[in-house]
Protein backbone atom coordinates (compact mmCIF):
# COMPACT_ATOMS: atom_id res chain seq x y z
CA MET A 1 9.60 4.26 9.72
CA ASN A 2 9.15 6.38 12.96
CA PHE A 3 5.83 8.27 12.93
CA SER A 4 7.22 10.87 15.09
CA LYS A 5 9.52 11.77 12.24
CA ILE A 6 6.71 11.91 9.96
CA SER A 7 4.78 14.09 12.46
CA ALA A 8 7.64 16.38 12.72
CA VAL A 9 7.89 16.80 8.99
CA VAL A 10 4.16 17.75 8.82
CA LEU A 11 4.54 20.31 11.55
CA VAL A 12 7.43 21.93 9.99
CA ALA A 13 5.58 22.26 6.70
CA VAL A 14 2.22 23.52 8.22
CA ALA A 15 3.61 25.87 10.75
CA PRO A 16 4.60 28.63 8.29
CA VAL A 17 1.09 28.41 6.84
CA VAL A 18 -0.52 29.36 10.24
CA ALA A 19 1.83 32.13 10.73
CA HIS A 20 1.27 33.50 7.22
CA ALA A 21 -2.52 33.27 7.49
CA GLN A 22 -2.40 35.11 10.89
CA LEU A 23 -0.32 37.94 8.83
CA ASN A 24 -2.98 38.06 6.00
CA GLN A 25 -5.72 38.51 8.62
CA LEU A 26 -3.99 41.35 10.32
CA LEU A 27 -3.12 42.92 7.12
CA GLY A 28 -6.78 42.72 6.06
CA VAL A 29 -7.94 44.47 9.19
CA ILE A 30 -5.29 47.26 8.67
CA HIS A 31 -6.47 47.57 4.99
CA SER A 32 -10.03 47.91 6.05
CA VAL A 33 -9.12 50.46 8.65
CA GLN A 34 -7.12 52.52 6.07
CA ASN A 35 -10.12 52.34 3.71
CA THR A 36 -12.33 53.65 6.36
CA VAL A 37 -9.95 56.54 7.39
CA THR A 38 -9.18 57.75 3.76
CA GLN A 39 -12.62 57.28 2.45
CA PRO A 40 -13.91 60.87 1.36
CA ALA A 41 -16.95 62.10 2.78
CA THR A 42 -19.87 61.60 0.30
CA GLY A 43 -22.73 63.06 2.38
CA GLN A 44 -24.06 59.70 2.91
CA PRO A 45 -25.58 58.81 6.21
CA GLN A 46 -23.24 57.78 8.86
CA GLN A 47 -25.11 54.20 8.90
CA SER A 48 -24.67 53.76 5.15
CA GLY A 49 -20.88 54.27 5.76
CA GLN A 50 -20.75 51.83 8.37
CA ASP A 51 -22.58 49.21 6.35
CA THR A 52 -20.21 49.73 3.52
CA VAL A 53 -17.11 49.21 5.89
CA GLN A 54 -18.49 46.05 7.45
CA GLN A 55 -19.15 44.74 3.87
CA GLN A 56 -15.70 45.38 2.87
CA GLU A 57 -14.48 43.83 6.05
CA GLN A 58 -16.73 40.70 5.41
CA GLN A 59 -15.46 40.52 1.76
CA GLN A 60 -11.83 40.92 2.84
CA GLU A 61 -12.17 38.25 5.57
CA GLN A 62 -13.82 35.84 3.03
CA SER A 63 -10.96 36.24 0.79
CA ASP A 64 -8.29 35.82 3.47
CA ASN A 65 -10.04 32.56 4.66
CA ALA A 66 -10.06 31.28 1.06
CA ALA A 67 -6.45 31.93 0.77
CA TYR A 68 -5.72 30.51 4.12
CA ARG A 69 -7.43 27.27 3.25
CA ALA A 70 -5.73 27.00 0.02
CA GLN A 71 -2.26 27.58 1.48
CA MET A 72 -3.09 25.08 4.34
CA GLU A 73 -4.01 22.34 1.83
CA GLN A 74 -0.94 23.01 -0.51
CA ARG A 75 1.35 22.84 2.50
CA ALA A 76 -0.31 19.96 4.05
CA SER A 77 -0.11 18.18 0.62
CA ALA A 78 3.57 19.15 0.44
CA GLY A 79 3.98 17.65 3.95
CA ARG A 80 2.20 14.24 3.14
CA GLN A 81 4.70 14.04 -0.02
CA GLN A 82 7.71 14.44 1.88
CA ALA A 83 6.63 12.00 4.62
CA GLN A 84 5.80 9.53 1.82
CA GLN A 85 9.30 10.20 0.26
CA MET A 86 10.87 9.70 3.64
CA VAL A 87 9.22 6.20 4.05
CA ALA A 88 10.10 5.33 0.32
CA ASP A 89 13.85 6.37 0.97
CA GLN A 90 13.89 4.21 4.30
CA ASP A 91 12.46 1.15 2.29
CA ALA A 92 15.09 1.61 -0.30
CA LYS A 93 17.85 1.87 2.24
CA ASP A 94 16.37 -1.54 4.05
CA ILE A 95 16.19 -3.38 0.64
CA ALA A 96 19.68 -2.32 -0.13
CA LYS A 97 20.89 -3.31 3.39
CA TYR A 98 19.30 -6.70 2.89
CA LYS A 99 20.85 -7.24 -0.47
CA ALA A 100 24.09 -6.32 0.97
CA SER A 101 23.66 -8.82 3.78
CA GLN A 102 22.61 -11.53 1.45
CA HIS A 103 25.57 -10.99 -0.85
CA SER A 104 28.01 -11.08 2.31
CA ASP A 105 26.35 -14.35 3.32
CA GLN A 106 26.83 -15.83 -0.13
CA GLN A 107 30.40 -14.68 -0.09
CA GLN A 108 31.01 -16.17 3.31
CA ALA A 109 29.40 -19.53 2.39
CA GLN A 110 31.56 -19.55 -0.85
CA GLN A 111 34.69 -19.03 1.16
CA GLN A 112 33.90 -21.69 3.72
CA PHE A 113 33.38 -24.10 0.66
CA ASN A 114 36.50 -23.32 -0.66
CA ASP A 115 38.25 -23.68 2.45
CA ALA A 116 36.67 -27.24 2.92
CA LYS A 117 37.85 -28.12 -0.63
CA LYS A 118 41.36 -27.22 0.26
CA SER A 119 41.30 -29.48 3.59
CA ALA A 120 39.69 -32.22 1.45
CA ALA A 121 42.56 -31.89 -1.22
CA ALA A 122 45.17 -31.99 1.66
CA CYS A 123 43.54 -35.25 3.01
CA ARG A 124 41.30 -37.15 0.85
CA THR A 125 40.20 -39.44 3.59
CA LEU A 126 37.80 -36.59 4.72
CA LEU A 127 35.56 -37.47 1.87
CA ASP A 128 35.78 -41.16 2.41
CA GLN A 129 31.91 -41.86 3.20
CA LYS A 130 32.50 -45.44 4.34
CA LEU A 131 34.40 -44.33 7.58
CA PRO A 132 32.80 -42.53 10.48
CA ILE A 133 33.58 -38.79 10.59
CA ALA A 134 35.48 -38.83 13.60
CA GLU A 135 37.71 -41.80 12.30
CA ARG A 136 38.52 -39.65 9.26
CA PHE A 137 39.52 -36.69 11.45
CA ILE A 138 41.98 -39.07 13.31
CA ARG A 139 43.36 -40.49 10.16
CA CYS A 140 43.91 -37.10 8.68
CA ARG A 141 45.58 -35.83 11.93
CA ASN A 142 47.94 -38.67 11.73
CA GLN A 143 48.75 -37.67 8.17
CA GLY A 144 49.65 -34.25 9.33
CA LEU A 145 46.39 -32.18 8.99
CA THR A 146 46.02 -29.43 11.53
CA GLU A 147 43.13 -28.81 13.78
CA SER A 148 42.35 -25.62 11.89
CA GLN A 149 42.39 -27.33 8.65
CA GLU A 150 40.02 -29.86 9.92
CA MET A 151 37.70 -27.14 11.26
CA MET A 152 37.82 -25.53 7.89
CA PHE A 153 36.29 -28.55 6.61
CA VAL A 154 33.68 -28.65 9.31
CA GLY A 155 32.61 -24.96 8.27
CA ALA A 156 30.99 -26.45 5.17
CA MET A 157 28.77 -28.77 7.13
CA PRO A 158 25.09 -27.89 7.86
CA LEU A 159 24.94 -25.29 10.59
CA THR A 160 22.84 -27.55 12.91
CA ALA A 161 25.57 -30.24 12.89
CA GLN A 162 28.64 -28.01 13.00
CA PRO A 163 28.88 -27.76 16.91
CA TYR A 164 28.74 -31.65 17.11
CA ILE A 165 31.24 -32.18 14.49
CA ALA A 166 33.52 -29.50 15.77
CA SER A 167 33.49 -31.00 19.15
CA MET A 168 34.78 -34.39 17.57
CA VAL A 169 37.73 -32.55 15.98
CA GLN A 170 38.38 -30.74 19.41
CA ASP A 171 38.47 -34.05 21.18
CA VAL A 172 40.69 -35.84 18.67
CA PHE A 173 43.53 -33.07 19.13
CA GLU A 174 42.86 -32.11 22.96
CA ASP A 175 43.03 -35.89 23.85
CA ASN A 176 45.62 -36.74 21.35
CA VAL A 177 43.62 -39.55 19.77
CA ILE A 178 45.62 -41.49 17.21
CA ASP A 179 43.90 -44.83 17.11
CA PRO A 180 41.42 -44.82 14.21
CA ALA A 181 39.42 -47.57 15.89
CA ARG A 182 38.36 -44.83 18.48
CA GLY A 183 36.63 -42.83 15.59
CA LYS A 184 33.33 -44.85 15.65
CA ALA A 185 32.75 -44.44 19.50
CA ILE A 186 33.37 -40.68 19.29
CA THR A 187 31.08 -40.51 16.21
CA ASP A 188 28.19 -42.38 17.81
CA TYR A 189 28.44 -40.48 20.95
CA TYR A 190 28.11 -37.13 19.25
CA ASP A 191 25.43 -38.41 16.72
CA ALA A 192 23.25 -39.41 19.56
CA CYS A 193 23.34 -35.99 20.98
CA TYR A 194 22.69 -34.58 17.57
CA ARG A 195 19.75 -36.66 17.05
CA ARG A 196 18.29 -35.75 20.63
CA GLY A 197 18.98 -32.11 19.85
CA THR A 198 20.67 -31.73 23.17
CA PRO A 199 24.39 -30.57 24.23
CA CYS A 200 26.96 -33.27 24.80
CA VAL A 201 29.10 -33.41 27.95
CA ARG A 202 32.55 -33.67 26.70
CA PRO A 203 34.08 -37.00 27.86
CA LYS A 204 37.62 -38.02 28.18
CA TRP A 205 38.76 -40.21 25.12
């Protein structure tokens, strides 16, 4: 949540209070002046009349101050509530966005798994654990499986291994490798890079 936004909300909520309070003070002074002007002469000494006016002004000022403080607190409370609601709304949006992202990731993973099953159904050799992975790609290529179909099978592999396994598929097709016996050398080469966690320089097979 951006604090500048919260500050803006509080300022908008509080600003009318200040203006209203100033208006109340002005009305209080006008009221006091009117009372002084319209007050009938009672024959009291001038000093007594002045004391009465001062008392009225003090009472009016105290009343205005109390109203001002009450309204300030009310507006500030409303501003805090609005700011808290903005934070809650933003949190709800973030949670919804996260859930949507999770759902999208799950759908994508499911789609990749389904694609891999289709490729494996087209060439069962892809599932033969006795053969090096690159040899499986060569044999399936020889049986008519396309590069994109083999890449779909790679899509179901662990993410950290995908770049290396995808390189095997690319090498098989780009270098037109058709001898299954070459599969072990290709597999060993990329497996060594994978274990080191380093990129592989693409050789010519």
